[in-house]
Amino acid sequence: MTKREKVDFAIKTLQELYPTIPVPLDHKDPYTLLIAVLLSAQSTDVRVNKITPLLFEKADNPYDMVKMSVDEIREIIRPVGLSPMKAKGIYGLSRMLVEKYDGIVPRELELLEEFPAVGHKTASVVVSQAFGIPAFPVDTHIHRLMYRWGFSNGKNVVQTEKDAKRLFPKRLWNDLHLQIIWYGREYSPARGWNMEKDIITKTIGRKKVLNAYYKNNRPSL
């Protein structure tokens, strides 16, 4: 297969598996999504989805959030991990939204990246999922699969994002970003990987990856 054929195969398979794509983090508007994505750093979506209702019951908008102290926010979000840093970030970005943007989350990636505790990936998720603006946030699943499929060299997430944007049609970025995450979780995880279930890697995977997998999973005599 040519590189283009491999890309087309991956897209076709993902679209067949995930014709409708659930958004992993529960939210009701751009602000609650921004907070949920910030909380998801080095945590699981399941854990975040258990904590956000407790936080949003107290404050689901920046005006109510700044009425709380950093310590109060931290106490609620403690189970998701990194709570001191995340609590400061939530308070700081909420204050900035109130003071600079009348409480409205901006749609521009560059403006979002200026907020406390909001990096490129978080900003990309918000513009794509809240506003439908094409972006390609790269998480650990996407980084792993882009390497396994031979679509990127795996050196860093910056390069992986560039490669994804170059290979995939812009109109599909927002769907593919989520489809690859779900596929990685269900069929091509980092641990407990079963190649027989992973049709995309099995069909188009990097030879080095396939050889290593079969070498490590050779039946014992």
N, C-alpha and C. Protein backbone atom coordinates (compact mmCIF):
# COMPACT_ATOMS: atom_id res chain seq x y z
N MET A 1 0.84 -1.21 0.00
CA MET A 1 0.00 0.00 0.00
C MET A 1 0.86 1.25 0.00
N THR A 2 0.42 2.27 -0.72
CA THR A 2 1.10 3.56 -0.67
C THR A 2 0.70 4.26 0.64
N LYS A 3 1.42 5.31 1.00
CA LYS A 3 1.09 6.09 2.20
C LYS A 3 -0.35 6.61 2.11
N ARG A 4 -0.73 7.10 0.93
CA ARG A 4 -2.08 7.65 0.75
C ARG A 4 -3.14 6.56 0.95
N GLU A 5 -2.87 5.38 0.44
CA GLU A 5 -3.82 4.27 0.60
C GLU A 5 -3.95 3.86 2.07
N LYS A 6 -2.82 3.90 2.78
CA LYS A 6 -2.85 3.58 4.21
C LYS A 6 -3.68 4.61 4.98
N VAL A 7 -3.49 5.87 4.65
CA VAL A 7 -4.26 6.94 5.30
C VAL A 7 -5.75 6.76 5.02
N ASP A 8 -6.07 6.49 3.76
CA ASP A 8 -7.48 6.29 3.37
C ASP A 8 -8.09 5.08 4.08
N PHE A 9 -7.30 4.01 4.23
CA PHE A 9 -7.78 2.82 4.93
C PHE A 9 -8.08 3.14 6.40
N ALA A 10 -7.18 3.88 7.03
CA ALA A 10 -7.38 4.25 8.44
C ALA A 10 -8.64 5.09 8.60
N ILE A 11 -8.81 6.09 7.73
CA ILE A 11 -9.99 6.98 7.79
C ILE A 11 -11.27 6.16 7.61
N LYS A 12 -11.28 5.30 6.58
CA LYS A 12 -12.48 4.50 6.27
C LYS A 12 -12.84 3.58 7.44
N THR A 13 -11.84 2.94 8.03
CA THR A 13 -12.09 2.02 9.14
C THR A 13 -12.62 2.78 10.36
N LEU A 14 -12.03 3.92 10.66
CA LEU A 14 -12.46 4.72 11.81
C LEU A 14 -13.89 5.23 11.63
N GLN A 15 -14.22 5.62 10.41
CA GLN A 15 -15.58 6.12 10.14
C GLN A 15 -16.61 5.00 10.25
N GLU A 16 -16.21 3.78 9.86
CA GLU A 16 -17.13 2.64 9.99
C GLU A 16 -17.34 2.25 11.46
N LEU A 17 -16.27 2.32 12.24
CA LEU A 17 -16.36 1.94 13.65
C LEU A 17 -17.07 3.00 14.49
N TYR A 18 -16.85 4.28 14.12
CA TYR A 18 -17.40 5.38 14.93
C TYR A 18 -18.15 6.38 14.04
N PRO A 19 -19.32 5.96 13.52
CA PRO A 19 -20.09 6.88 12.68
C PRO A 19 -20.62 8.07 13.47
N THR A 20 -20.97 7.83 14.73
CA THR A 20 -21.28 8.93 15.64
C THR A 20 -20.23 8.89 16.74
N ILE A 21 -19.73 10.06 17.11
CA ILE A 21 -18.55 10.10 17.98
C ILE A 21 -18.89 10.78 19.30
N PRO A 22 -18.89 10.02 20.38
CA PRO A 22 -19.15 10.65 21.68
C PRO A 22 -17.96 11.51 22.12
N VAL A 23 -18.25 12.65 22.76
CA VAL A 23 -17.19 13.48 23.33
C VAL A 23 -16.89 12.93 24.72
N PRO A 24 -15.63 12.63 25.01
CA PRO A 24 -15.30 11.92 26.27
C PRO A 24 -15.62 12.70 27.55
N LEU A 25 -15.49 14.03 27.52
CA LEU A 25 -15.67 14.82 28.73
C LEU A 25 -17.05 15.47 28.77
N ASP A 26 -17.78 15.26 29.85
CA ASP A 26 -19.11 15.84 30.00
C ASP A 26 -18.99 17.36 30.18
N HIS A 27 -19.81 18.10 29.45
CA HIS A 27 -19.81 19.56 29.57
C HIS A 27 -21.09 20.10 28.95
N LYS A 28 -21.41 21.36 29.20
CA LYS A 28 -22.62 21.94 28.63
C LYS A 28 -22.35 23.19 27.80
N ASP A 29 -21.13 23.73 27.89
CA ASP A 29 -20.79 24.95 27.14
C ASP A 29 -19.26 25.08 27.07
N PRO A 30 -18.75 26.07 26.35
CA PRO A 30 -17.29 26.20 26.21
C PRO A 30 -16.55 26.34 27.55
N TYR A 31 -17.15 27.04 28.51
CA TYR A 31 -16.47 27.23 29.80
C TYR A 31 -16.33 25.90 30.55
N THR A 32 -17.41 25.14 30.65
CA THR A 32 -17.33 23.87 31.38
C THR A 32 -16.44 22.87 30.65
N LEU A 33 -16.38 22.95 29.32
CA LEU A 33 -15.44 22.09 28.59
C LEU A 33 -14.01 22.48 28.89
N LEU A 34 -13.73 23.79 28.90
CA LEU A 34 -12.38 24.27 29.20
C LEU A 34 -11.91 23.77 30.56
N ILE A 35 -12.78 23.86 31.55
CA ILE A 35 -12.42 23.40 32.90
C ILE A 35 -12.21 21.88 32.90
N ALA A 36 -13.09 21.15 32.23
CA ALA A 36 -12.98 19.68 32.20
C ALA A 36 -11.68 19.23 31.52
N VAL A 37 -11.32 19.89 30.42
CA VAL A 37 -10.09 19.52 29.71
C VAL A 37 -8.87 19.82 30.58
N LEU A 38 -8.89 20.97 31.24
CA LEU A 38 -7.79 21.32 32.14
C LEU A 38 -7.64 20.26 33.24
N LEU A 39 -8.76 19.81 33.79
CA LEU A 39 -8.72 18.80 34.85
C LEU A 39 -8.23 17.44 34.35
N SER A 40 -8.41 17.17 33.06
CA SER A 40 -8.09 15.83 32.52
C SER A 40 -6.60 15.57 32.35
N ALA A 41 -5.77 16.61 32.51
CA ALA A 41 -4.32 16.42 32.37
C ALA A 41 -3.83 15.38 33.38
N GLN A 42 -3.17 14.34 32.90
CA GLN A 42 -2.64 13.25 33.72
C GLN A 42 -3.70 12.64 34.64
N SER A 43 -4.93 12.60 34.13
CA SER A 43 -6.02 11.94 34.84
C SER A 43 -6.87 11.22 33.80
N THR A 44 -7.90 10.51 34.24
CA THR A 44 -8.77 9.81 33.29
C THR A 44 -10.06 10.59 33.10
N ASP A 45 -10.66 10.44 31.92
CA ASP A 45 -11.94 11.12 31.65
C ASP A 45 -13.02 10.64 32.62
N VAL A 46 -12.98 9.36 32.97
CA VAL A 46 -13.98 8.80 33.89
C VAL A 46 -13.91 9.52 35.24
N ARG A 47 -12.69 9.71 35.72
CA ARG A 47 -12.52 10.38 37.01
C ARG A 47 -12.96 11.84 36.94
N VAL A 48 -12.57 12.50 35.85
CA VAL A 48 -12.95 13.91 35.67
C VAL A 48 -14.48 14.04 35.63
N ASN A 49 -15.14 13.14 34.90
CA ASN A 49 -16.60 13.20 34.78
C ASN A 49 -17.32 12.95 36.12
N LYS A 50 -16.62 12.36 37.09
CA LYS A 50 -17.21 12.18 38.42
C LYS A 50 -17.06 13.45 39.27
N ILE A 51 -16.00 14.21 38.99
CA ILE A 51 -15.69 15.39 39.81
C ILE A 51 -16.35 16.66 39.29
N THR A 52 -16.44 16.80 37.96
CA THR A 52 -16.97 18.07 37.41
C THR A 52 -18.40 18.38 37.88
N PRO A 53 -19.31 17.40 38.03
CA PRO A 53 -20.64 17.76 38.53
C PRO A 53 -20.59 18.40 39.92
N LEU A 54 -19.66 17.93 40.76
CA LEU A 54 -19.52 18.50 42.11
C LEU A 54 -19.01 19.94 42.05
N LEU A 55 -18.05 20.17 41.14
CA LEU A 55 -17.51 21.52 40.98
C LEU A 55 -18.53 22.45 40.35
N PHE A 56 -19.19 21.97 39.29
CA PHE A 56 -20.13 22.84 38.56
C PHE A 56 -21.43 23.10 39.34
N GLU A 57 -21.70 22.25 40.33
CA GLU A 57 -22.84 22.51 41.19
C GLU A 57 -22.61 23.80 41.99
N LYS A 58 -21.33 24.02 42.34
CA LYS A 58 -20.95 25.24 43.07
C LYS A 58 -20.71 26.41 42.11
N ALA A 59 -20.09 26.10 40.96
CA ALA A 59 -19.74 27.17 40.02
C ALA A 59 -19.60 26.60 38.62
N ASP A 60 -20.55 26.94 37.74
CA ASP A 60 -20.47 26.46 36.35
C ASP A 60 -20.24 27.62 35.38
N ASN A 61 -19.77 28.75 35.93
CA ASN A 61 -19.43 29.92 35.10
C ASN A 61 -18.32 30.69 35.82
N PRO A 62 -17.57 31.50 35.08
CA PRO A 62 -16.41 32.16 35.69
C PRO A 62 -16.77 33.12 36.82
N TYR A 63 -17.94 33.75 36.75
CA TYR A 63 -18.34 34.70 37.79
C TYR A 63 -18.52 34.02 39.14
N ASP A 64 -19.15 32.83 39.12
CA ASP A 64 -19.31 32.09 40.38
C ASP A 64 -17.99 31.46 40.82
N MET A 65 -17.17 31.05 39.84
CA MET A 65 -15.91 30.39 40.18
C MET A 65 -14.99 31.33 40.96
N VAL A 66 -14.93 32.61 40.58
CA VAL A 66 -14.01 33.53 41.27
C VAL A 66 -14.53 33.92 42.66
N LYS A 67 -15.78 33.56 42.96
CA LYS A 67 -16.29 33.78 44.32
C LYS A 67 -15.73 32.74 45.29
N MET A 68 -15.25 31.63 44.72
CA MET A 68 -14.63 30.60 45.54
C MET A 68 -13.14 30.90 45.70
N SER A 69 -12.55 30.35 46.75
CA SER A 69 -11.10 30.51 46.92
C SER A 69 -10.38 29.37 46.19
N VAL A 70 -9.09 29.55 45.96
CA VAL A 70 -8.29 28.49 45.32
C VAL A 70 -8.33 27.23 46.18
N ASP A 71 -8.30 27.40 47.49
CA ASP A 71 -8.34 26.25 48.40
C ASP A 71 -9.66 25.49 48.30
N GLU A 72 -10.75 26.22 48.16
CA GLU A 72 -12.07 25.57 48.04
C GLU A 72 -12.15 24.76 46.73
N ILE A 73 -11.63 25.34 45.66
CA ILE A 73 -11.61 24.64 44.36
C ILE A 73 -10.75 23.38 44.48
N ARG A 74 -9.59 23.55 45.11
CA ARG A 74 -8.65 22.43 45.24
C ARG A 74 -9.26 21.26 46.01
N GLU A 75 -9.99 21.58 47.06
CA GLU A 75 -10.60 20.54 47.88
C GLU A 75 -11.57 19.69 47.06
N ILE A 76 -12.32 20.33 46.17
CA ILE A 76 -13.30 19.61 45.34
C ILE A 76 -12.61 18.75 44.28
N ILE A 77 -11.56 19.29 43.67
CA ILE A 77 -10.94 18.60 42.53
C ILE A 77 -9.79 17.68 42.94
N ARG A 78 -9.53 17.57 44.22
CA ARG A 78 -8.38 16.78 44.70
C ARG A 78 -8.27 15.39 44.07
N PRO A 79 -9.38 14.63 43.91
CA PRO A 79 -9.27 13.26 43.37
C PRO A 79 -8.70 13.16 41.96
N VAL A 80 -8.72 14.24 41.18
CA VAL A 80 -8.20 14.12 39.81
C VAL A 80 -6.68 14.26 39.74
N GLY A 81 -6.04 14.64 40.84
CA GLY A 81 -4.59 14.78 40.84
C GLY A 81 -4.13 16.15 40.39
N LEU A 82 -2.90 16.50 40.79
CA LEU A 82 -2.30 17.81 40.48
C LEU A 82 -3.22 18.96 40.90
N SER A 83 -3.96 18.75 41.99
CA SER A 83 -5.00 19.72 42.37
C SER A 83 -4.48 21.12 42.72
N PRO A 84 -3.30 21.28 43.35
CA PRO A 84 -2.85 22.64 43.65
C PRO A 84 -2.66 23.48 42.38
N MET A 85 -2.00 22.89 41.37
CA MET A 85 -1.74 23.60 40.13
C MET A 85 -3.04 23.85 39.35
N LYS A 86 -3.90 22.82 39.31
CA LYS A 86 -5.15 22.93 38.55
C LYS A 86 -6.10 23.94 39.20
N ALA A 87 -6.15 23.96 40.52
CA ALA A 87 -7.02 24.90 41.21
C ALA A 87 -6.60 26.34 40.94
N LYS A 88 -5.30 26.58 40.98
CA LYS A 88 -4.79 27.93 40.65
C LYS A 88 -5.14 28.29 39.21
N GLY A 89 -4.99 27.31 38.31
CA GLY A 89 -5.30 27.56 36.90
C GLY A 89 -6.77 27.88 36.69
N ILE A 90 -7.65 27.11 37.33
CA ILE A 90 -9.10 27.33 37.18
C ILE A 90 -9.48 28.71 37.70
N TYR A 91 -8.96 29.06 38.87
CA TYR A 91 -9.27 30.37 39.43
C TYR A 91 -8.70 31.49 38.55
N GLY A 92 -7.45 31.31 38.12
CA GLY A 92 -6.78 32.34 37.33
C GLY A 92 -7.44 32.57 35.97
N LEU A 93 -7.80 31.50 35.28
CA LEU A 93 -8.42 31.67 33.96
C LEU A 93 -9.83 32.23 34.10
N SER A 94 -10.52 31.85 35.18
CA SER A 94 -11.88 32.37 35.42
C SER A 94 -11.81 33.88 35.67
N ARG A 95 -10.83 34.30 36.46
CA ARG A 95 -10.66 35.72 36.74
C ARG A 95 -10.33 36.49 35.47
N MET A 96 -9.48 35.90 34.63
CA MET A 96 -9.10 36.54 33.37
C MET A 96 -10.31 36.65 32.43
N LEU A 97 -11.15 35.61 32.42
CA LEU A 97 -12.36 35.64 31.59
C LEU A 97 -13.29 36.77 32.03
N VAL A 98 -13.44 36.94 33.34
CA VAL A 98 -14.32 37.98 33.88
C VAL A 98 -13.77 39.37 33.56
N GLU A 99 -12.46 39.54 33.80
CA GLU A 99 -11.86 40.87 33.68
C GLU A 99 -11.62 41.29 32.24
N LYS A 100 -11.35 40.32 31.38
CA LYS A 100 -10.93 40.67 30.02
C LYS A 100 -11.94 40.32 28.93
N TYR A 101 -12.80 39.33 29.20
CA TYR A 101 -13.67 38.82 28.13
C TYR A 101 -15.16 38.78 28.50
N ASP A 102 -15.54 39.52 29.52
CA ASP A 102 -16.95 39.54 29.96
C ASP A 102 -17.50 38.13 30.23
N GLY A 103 -16.62 37.24 30.68
CA GLY A 103 -17.04 35.90 31.04
C GLY A 103 -17.23 34.94 29.87
N ILE A 104 -16.90 35.41 28.66
CA ILE A 104 -17.12 34.58 27.46
C ILE A 104 -15.80 33.98 26.99
N VAL A 105 -15.78 32.67 26.81
CA VAL A 105 -14.56 31.97 26.34
C VAL A 105 -14.29 32.37 24.89
N PRO A 106 -13.09 32.89 24.59
CA PRO A 106 -12.78 33.26 23.20
C PRO A 106 -12.64 32.05 22.30
N ARG A 107 -12.90 32.25 21.02
CA ARG A 107 -12.83 31.16 20.04
C ARG A 107 -11.43 30.99 19.44
N GLU A 108 -10.56 31.96 19.65
CA GLU A 108 -9.25 31.94 18.99
C GLU A 108 -8.24 31.13 19.79
N LEU A 109 -7.56 30.22 19.11
CA LEU A 109 -6.56 29.36 19.74
C LEU A 109 -5.49 30.17 20.46
N GLU A 110 -4.99 31.22 19.80
CA GLU A 110 -3.90 32.02 20.35
C GLU A 110 -4.33 32.71 21.65
N LEU A 111 -5.57 33.17 21.70
CA LEU A 111 -6.07 33.84 22.92
C LEU A 111 -6.24 32.83 24.05
N LEU A 112 -6.74 31.65 23.73
CA LEU A 112 -6.92 30.62 24.76
C LEU A 112 -5.59 30.20 25.37
N GLU A 113 -4.54 30.17 24.55
CA GLU A 113 -3.23 29.75 25.04
C GLU A 113 -2.62 30.75 26.02
N GLU A 114 -3.19 31.95 26.09
CA GLU A 114 -2.69 32.97 27.02
C GLU A 114 -3.23 32.77 28.44
N PHE A 115 -4.25 31.91 28.59
CA PHE A 115 -4.86 31.72 29.91
C PHE A 115 -3.97 30.85 30.80
N PRO A 116 -4.02 31.08 32.12
CA PRO A 116 -3.26 30.24 33.04
C PRO A 116 -3.63 28.77 32.89
N ALA A 117 -2.62 27.92 32.91
CA ALA A 117 -2.79 26.45 32.88
C ALA A 117 -3.42 25.93 31.58
N VAL A 118 -3.51 26.76 30.56
CA VAL A 118 -4.07 26.32 29.27
C VAL A 118 -2.94 26.24 28.24
N GLY A 119 -2.60 25.02 27.86
CA GLY A 119 -1.57 24.82 26.86
C GLY A 119 -2.18 24.64 25.48
N HIS A 120 -1.34 24.32 24.53
CA HIS A 120 -1.78 24.18 23.14
C HIS A 120 -2.82 23.07 22.97
N LYS A 121 -2.59 21.94 23.65
CA LYS A 121 -3.52 20.81 23.51
C LYS A 121 -4.90 21.16 24.06
N THR A 122 -4.93 21.74 25.26
CA THR A 122 -6.21 22.12 25.88
C THR A 122 -6.95 23.12 25.00
N ALA A 123 -6.23 24.13 24.51
CA ALA A 123 -6.84 25.14 23.64
C ALA A 123 -7.38 24.50 22.37
N SER A 124 -6.64 23.55 21.81
CA SER A 124 -7.07 22.87 20.58
C SER A 124 -8.34 22.06 20.79
N VAL A 125 -8.44 21.38 21.94
CA VAL A 125 -9.65 20.61 22.25
C VAL A 125 -10.85 21.54 22.33
N VAL A 126 -10.68 22.68 22.98
CA VAL A 126 -11.80 23.62 23.17
C VAL A 126 -12.27 24.19 21.84
N VAL A 127 -11.34 24.63 20.99
CA VAL A 127 -11.78 25.22 19.71
C VAL A 127 -12.44 24.17 18.83
N SER A 128 -11.95 22.93 18.89
CA SER A 128 -12.53 21.89 18.02
C SER A 128 -13.87 21.40 18.54
N GLN A 129 -13.95 21.10 19.84
CA GLN A 129 -15.17 20.48 20.39
C GLN A 129 -16.24 21.49 20.78
N ALA A 130 -15.83 22.69 21.20
CA ALA A 130 -16.82 23.69 21.62
C ALA A 130 -17.28 24.56 20.46
N PHE A 131 -16.35 24.83 19.52
CA PHE A 131 -16.67 25.79 18.46
C PHE A 131 -16.65 25.19 17.05
N GLY A 132 -16.25 23.91 16.93
CA GLY A 132 -16.23 23.28 15.62
C GLY A 132 -15.17 23.80 14.67
N ILE A 133 -14.15 24.47 15.23
CA ILE A 133 -13.05 24.99 14.41
C ILE A 133 -12.02 23.87 14.22
N PRO A 134 -11.58 23.61 12.99
CA PRO A 134 -10.64 22.51 12.77
C PRO A 134 -9.35 22.64 13.59
N ALA A 135 -9.05 21.59 14.34
CA ALA A 135 -7.81 21.52 15.12
C ALA A 135 -7.49 20.04 15.28
N PHE A 136 -6.28 19.74 15.70
CA PHE A 136 -5.92 18.32 15.87
C PHE A 136 -5.12 18.13 17.16
N PRO A 137 -5.83 18.18 18.30
CA PRO A 137 -5.14 17.98 19.58
C PRO A 137 -4.56 16.57 19.65
N VAL A 138 -3.32 16.46 20.08
CA VAL A 138 -2.66 15.15 20.14
C VAL A 138 -2.51 14.72 21.60
N ASP A 139 -3.16 13.62 21.96
CA ASP A 139 -2.98 13.05 23.29
C ASP A 139 -2.11 11.80 23.16
N THR A 140 -1.98 11.06 24.26
CA THR A 140 -1.08 9.89 24.23
C THR A 140 -1.55 8.82 23.26
N HIS A 141 -2.88 8.66 23.12
CA HIS A 141 -3.40 7.64 22.19
C HIS A 141 -3.05 7.99 20.74
N ILE A 142 -3.30 9.23 20.38
CA ILE A 142 -3.02 9.67 19.00
C ILE A 142 -1.53 9.59 18.72
N HIS A 143 -0.72 10.03 19.68
CA HIS A 143 0.74 9.98 19.52
C HIS A 143 1.21 8.54 19.30
N ARG A 144 0.67 7.61 20.07
CA ARG A 144 1.04 6.19 19.96
C ARG A 144 0.61 5.61 18.61
N LEU A 145 -0.64 5.88 18.21
CA LEU A 145 -1.15 5.26 16.99
C LEU A 145 -0.55 5.86 15.73
N MET A 146 -0.29 7.16 15.74
CA MET A 146 0.36 7.76 14.57
C MET A 146 1.73 7.11 14.34
N TYR A 147 2.40 6.73 15.41
CA TYR A 147 3.68 6.03 15.27
C TYR A 147 3.45 4.59 14.82
N ARG A 148 2.53 3.89 15.47
CA ARG A 148 2.28 2.49 15.12
C ARG A 148 1.87 2.34 13.65
N TRP A 149 1.12 3.32 13.16
CA TRP A 149 0.64 3.26 11.78
C TRP A 149 1.65 3.77 10.76
N GLY A 150 2.80 4.23 11.25
CA GLY A 150 3.83 4.73 10.34
C GLY A 150 3.51 6.10 9.77
N PHE A 151 2.64 6.86 10.46
CA PHE A 151 2.25 8.19 9.98
C PHE A 151 3.10 9.30 10.59
N SER A 152 3.85 8.98 11.65
CA SER A 152 4.71 9.97 12.29
C SER A 152 5.88 9.24 12.95
N ASN A 153 6.97 9.95 13.20
CA ASN A 153 8.17 9.29 13.73
C ASN A 153 8.15 9.11 15.25
N GLY A 154 7.14 9.68 15.90
CA GLY A 154 7.00 9.47 17.34
C GLY A 154 7.94 10.25 18.22
N LYS A 155 8.67 11.21 17.64
CA LYS A 155 9.65 11.96 18.44
C LYS A 155 9.00 12.85 19.49
N ASN A 156 7.96 13.59 19.10
CA ASN A 156 7.26 14.45 20.05
C ASN A 156 5.87 14.78 19.52
N VAL A 157 5.00 15.28 20.41
CA VAL A 157 3.61 15.53 20.02
C VAL A 157 3.49 16.70 19.04
N VAL A 158 4.45 17.61 19.07
CA VAL A 158 4.43 18.73 18.12
C VAL A 158 4.56 18.21 16.70
N GLN A 159 5.52 17.30 16.51
CA GLN A 159 5.73 16.71 15.18
C GLN A 159 4.53 15.85 14.78
N THR A 160 4.00 15.10 15.75
CA THR A 160 2.84 14.25 15.46
C THR A 160 1.67 15.08 14.98
N GLU A 161 1.43 16.23 15.62
CA GLU A 161 0.33 17.11 15.20
C GLU A 161 0.55 17.63 13.79
N LYS A 162 1.78 18.04 13.50
CA LYS A 162 2.10 18.53 12.14
C LYS A 162 1.84 17.44 11.10
N ASP A 163 2.26 16.21 11.40
CA ASP A 163 2.09 15.10 10.47
C ASP A 163 0.60 14.78 10.27
N ALA A 164 -0.16 14.80 11.36
CA ALA A 164 -1.59 14.51 11.27
C ALA A 164 -2.30 15.55 10.40
N LYS A 165 -1.95 16.81 10.60
CA LYS A 165 -2.58 17.89 9.83
C LYS A 165 -2.18 17.82 8.36
N ARG A 166 -0.99 17.31 8.10
CA ARG A 166 -0.52 17.20 6.71
C ARG A 166 -1.20 16.02 6.01
N LEU A 167 -1.41 14.92 6.73
CA LEU A 167 -1.91 13.69 6.11
C LEU A 167 -3.43 13.65 5.99
N PHE A 168 -4.12 14.19 6.99
CA PHE A 168 -5.58 14.07 7.03
C PHE A 168 -6.26 15.33 6.49
N PRO A 169 -7.38 15.18 5.76
CA PRO A 169 -8.12 16.35 5.26
C PRO A 169 -8.63 17.21 6.43
N LYS A 170 -8.49 18.53 6.26
CA LYS A 170 -8.85 19.46 7.34
C LYS A 170 -10.29 19.29 7.80
N ARG A 171 -11.19 19.00 6.87
CA ARG A 171 -12.62 18.87 7.22
C ARG A 171 -12.87 17.68 8.14
N LEU A 172 -11.90 16.75 8.23
CA LEU A 172 -12.08 15.56 9.07
C LEU A 172 -11.31 15.64 10.39
N TRP A 173 -10.52 16.69 10.59
CA TRP A 173 -9.65 16.75 11.77
C TRP A 173 -10.41 16.54 13.08
N ASN A 174 -11.51 17.26 13.25
CA ASN A 174 -12.22 17.20 14.54
C ASN A 174 -12.81 15.82 14.81
N ASP A 175 -13.32 15.17 13.76
CA ASP A 175 -13.84 13.81 13.92
C ASP A 175 -12.70 12.82 14.17
N LEU A 176 -11.67 12.90 13.35
CA LEU A 176 -10.57 11.94 13.45
C LEU A 176 -9.86 12.00 14.79
N HIS A 177 -9.69 13.19 15.31
CA HIS A 177 -9.03 13.34 16.61
C HIS A 177 -9.74 12.50 17.67
N LEU A 178 -11.06 12.55 17.68
CA LEU A 178 -11.83 11.76 18.66
C LEU A 178 -11.89 10.28 18.27
N GLN A 179 -12.05 10.01 16.98
CA GLN A 179 -12.13 8.61 16.53
C GLN A 179 -10.84 7.85 16.87
N ILE A 180 -9.69 8.49 16.69
CA ILE A 180 -8.41 7.82 16.97
C ILE A 180 -8.27 7.58 18.48
N ILE A 181 -8.74 8.53 19.30
CA ILE A 181 -8.69 8.34 20.75
C ILE A 181 -9.52 7.12 21.16
N TRP A 182 -10.75 7.05 20.67
CA TRP A 182 -11.60 5.91 21.01
C TRP A 182 -11.00 4.60 20.49
N TYR A 183 -10.46 4.63 19.28
CA TYR A 183 -9.86 3.42 18.71
C TYR A 183 -8.66 2.97 19.56
N GLY A 184 -7.84 3.93 19.96
CA GLY A 184 -6.68 3.60 20.79
C GLY A 184 -7.07 2.96 22.11
N ARG A 185 -8.13 3.46 22.70
CA ARG A 185 -8.59 2.91 23.97
C ARG A 185 -9.16 1.50 23.80
N GLU A 186 -9.91 1.31 22.73
CA GLU A 186 -10.63 0.04 22.57
C GLU A 186 -9.84 -1.05 21.87
N TYR A 187 -9.03 -0.67 20.88
CA TYR A 187 -8.38 -1.69 20.03
C TYR A 187 -6.86 -1.66 20.03
N SER A 188 -6.25 -0.53 20.41
CA SER A 188 -4.79 -0.45 20.30
C SER A 188 -4.18 0.25 21.51
N PRO A 189 -4.43 -0.33 22.71
CA PRO A 189 -3.93 0.31 23.94
C PRO A 189 -2.42 0.14 24.11
N ALA A 190 -1.87 0.89 25.03
CA ALA A 190 -0.43 0.76 25.31
C ALA A 190 -0.14 -0.57 25.99
N ARG A 191 -1.05 -0.97 26.90
CA ARG A 191 -0.88 -2.24 27.61
C ARG A 191 -2.06 -3.16 27.32
N GLY A 192 -1.81 -4.47 27.36
CA GLY A 192 -2.88 -5.43 27.08
C GLY A 192 -3.33 -5.39 25.63
N TRP A 193 -2.38 -5.14 24.74
CA TRP A 193 -2.68 -4.97 23.31
C TRP A 193 -2.84 -6.31 22.62
N ASN A 194 -3.94 -6.49 21.91
CA ASN A 194 -4.19 -7.71 21.14
C ASN A 194 -4.26 -7.34 19.66
N MET A 195 -3.21 -7.69 18.94
CA MET A 195 -3.12 -7.30 17.52
C MET A 195 -4.27 -7.86 16.69
N GLU A 196 -4.82 -9.01 17.09
CA GLU A 196 -5.91 -9.61 16.32
C GLU A 196 -7.14 -8.71 16.29
N LYS A 197 -7.33 -7.91 17.33
CA LYS A 197 -8.46 -6.98 17.38
C LYS A 197 -8.14 -5.64 16.73
N ASP A 198 -6.85 -5.38 16.55
CA ASP A 198 -6.40 -4.07 16.06
C ASP A 198 -6.22 -4.12 14.53
N ILE A 199 -7.35 -4.04 13.81
CA ILE A 199 -7.35 -4.23 12.36
C ILE A 199 -6.50 -3.20 11.62
N ILE A 200 -6.48 -1.97 12.12
CA ILE A 200 -5.73 -0.93 11.40
C ILE A 200 -4.23 -1.19 11.49
N THR A 201 -3.72 -1.40 12.71
CA THR A 201 -2.28 -1.65 12.86
C THR A 201 -1.89 -2.95 12.16
N LYS A 202 -2.73 -3.95 12.29
CA LYS A 202 -2.44 -5.25 11.66
C LYS A 202 -2.33 -5.12 10.14
N THR A 203 -3.13 -4.22 9.56
CA THR A 203 -3.16 -4.07 8.10
C THR A 203 -2.10 -3.11 7.57
N ILE A 204 -1.90 -1.98 8.26
CA ILE A 204 -1.00 -0.94 7.70
C ILE A 204 0.16 -0.58 8.62
N GLY A 205 0.29 -1.29 9.76
CA GLY A 205 1.26 -0.89 10.78
C GLY A 205 2.70 -0.87 10.31
N ARG A 206 3.49 -0.06 11.00
CA ARG A 206 4.94 0.04 10.78
C ARG A 206 5.55 -1.34 10.97
N LYS A 207 6.38 -1.76 10.03
CA LYS A 207 6.97 -3.11 10.09
C LYS A 207 7.71 -3.36 11.41
N LYS A 208 8.45 -2.35 11.85
CA LYS A 208 9.21 -2.46 13.09
C LYS A 208 8.28 -2.76 14.28
N VAL A 209 7.12 -2.12 14.28
CA VAL A 209 6.14 -2.30 15.36
C VAL A 209 5.54 -3.71 15.29
N LEU A 210 5.17 -4.12 14.09
CA LEU A 210 4.58 -5.45 13.90
C LEU A 210 5.57 -6.55 14.29
N ASN A 211 6.81 -6.42 13.83
CA ASN A 211 7.82 -7.43 14.14
C ASN A 211 8.06 -7.54 15.64
N ALA A 212 8.14 -6.37 16.31
CA ALA A 212 8.36 -6.36 17.77
C ALA A 212 7.18 -7.01 18.49
N TYR A 213 5.97 -6.72 18.02
CA TYR A 213 4.78 -7.30 18.67
C TYR A 213 4.80 -8.82 18.55
N TYR A 214 5.01 -9.32 17.34
CA TYR A 214 4.96 -10.77 17.14
C TYR A 214 6.14 -11.50 17.82
N LYS A 215 7.26 -10.80 17.92
CA LYS A 215 8.41 -11.38 18.62
C LYS A 215 8.10 -11.52 20.11
N ASN A 216 7.49 -10.49 20.68
CA ASN A 216 7.18 -10.48 22.11
C ASN A 216 5.98 -11.35 22.48
N ASN A 217 5.16 -11.66 21.47
CA ASN A 217 3.94 -12.44 21.75
C ASN A 217 3.97 -13.80 21.06
N ARG A 218 5.17 -14.28 20.80
CA ARG A 218 5.32 -15.60 20.18
C ARG A 218 4.86 -16.68 21.15
N PRO A 219 4.05 -17.63 20.68
CA PRO A 219 3.59 -18.69 21.60
C PRO A 219 4.77 -19.49 22.14
N SER A 220 4.77 -19.78 23.43
CA SER A 220 5.87 -20.57 24.01
C SER A 220 5.68 -22.05 23.65
N LEU A 221 6.79 -22.69 23.36
CA LEU A 221 6.74 -24.10 22.92
C LEU A 221 6.66 -25.03 24.13
